[in-house]
């Protein structure tokens, strides 16, 4: 336990994610009770777009920066990345306009303007702190990453709380609170990952080219986690989309475990000396992720299912059944996050892209098929099916048999210990 306070350890990320979720958990009921299921559905679509857009604009550069930084401290790459962030302003404006003209076309003008501002002006800021996070993760500076992870939800909570207490919180106000948090997080990331503006720069074109190997996977993975909340608004209506949004948000908590375990195993696999060693470490990573996530998700689900109507209000009681449908997907998502980082550490960018695009296609196809007929339940089933597909495809890409990844008691212990180990083990 002393290591947690004296050194950078992966557990800092887990704790930060849990704190971040707790802060978000405090903000979401304030939002839900203030604007209701319909308002929640409207804002969830825009907030999901706010999360997807930076991944599209980043074009895999944050993950490439993480890979580079795991080997050497490189400020020239940081400068090149920040140049690319400035260049992303133009495509960000196009994304904002496309969102407003399609998903938000029937909503009021204030919401449209808020969404446009969030995408056109602040999505590049999100790219900036994603790049900073990637560099810090690669360097093993987990405490700095933890600060960035906490910054956004804490700022959001303060802004949302102020609006709720004054009884003036509106759907548009929710979006502006998120934008304020994005700006604050961007400033923090810039300060934690300092690099003089003037100085040697890595080739921007090479950085973009190398990052693009991971772009398809990163975009598809982000879209798989959030695109459903964008599409459910026009497919099943604002109120049902609001119910689904609450259930989906709750089901994402176990991902914190995957992020911590992934941080540990990414460095270990990236530093593997032989292909045989990389394969062995990859299988070990997935086993430990499954061993930790399976019991954690079941215990969490048993508790959280009783909390949803108490915390969010009786108007969201329908979200409980949706939450249970999503839990198997939570297990697969957690283990799949670790598998994704393992593939990235082995520079399998094209494979990652194909798998994530395939999962996205499965999820969207099932959502379009089941959403109009089964409503929010169909959306939840589509999401879970997509995560199961992705994890299965990742196992094939890692050449893992069922025996290779079947969790054992020793994996549960090793995975639990790894959360408090000091950085990438070999």
Foldseek 3Di string as FASTA:
>chain_A
DVCVVVAQALLLLLVLLVLLLVLVLLLVLLQCVLEHQLLLLLLLLLVLLLQLLLLLLLLQLLQVLLLVLLVHDDLQALLLSVVSLVVSLVVQLVSLVVLCVPLVVPPDPLQSVLSNCSRNPLSSLLNQLSNLLSNCLSNSVSNLNSVLSNQQSNQLSVQSVVCSVVSNDGSSSSSVSNSVSSVRSSVSSCVVSDHDNDDHHDDSVVSSVLSNLQSLLSSLLSCLLRVLSNVLCVQFHRNLSSLLSLLSSLLQSLLSLLSSLLSQLLSQLLPDPDPVVLLLSLLLSLQLLLLALPVVLVVSLVVVLVCVCVSNHVSNNVSSVLNVLQSLLSSLSSSLSSLLSSCVSVVVSNLSSVLSVVLSVQLVVQCNVCCNPPNSSSNSNSSSVSSVSSSVSSCVVSVHDCVSRNHDPVSPVVSVVSSSDRGHDD
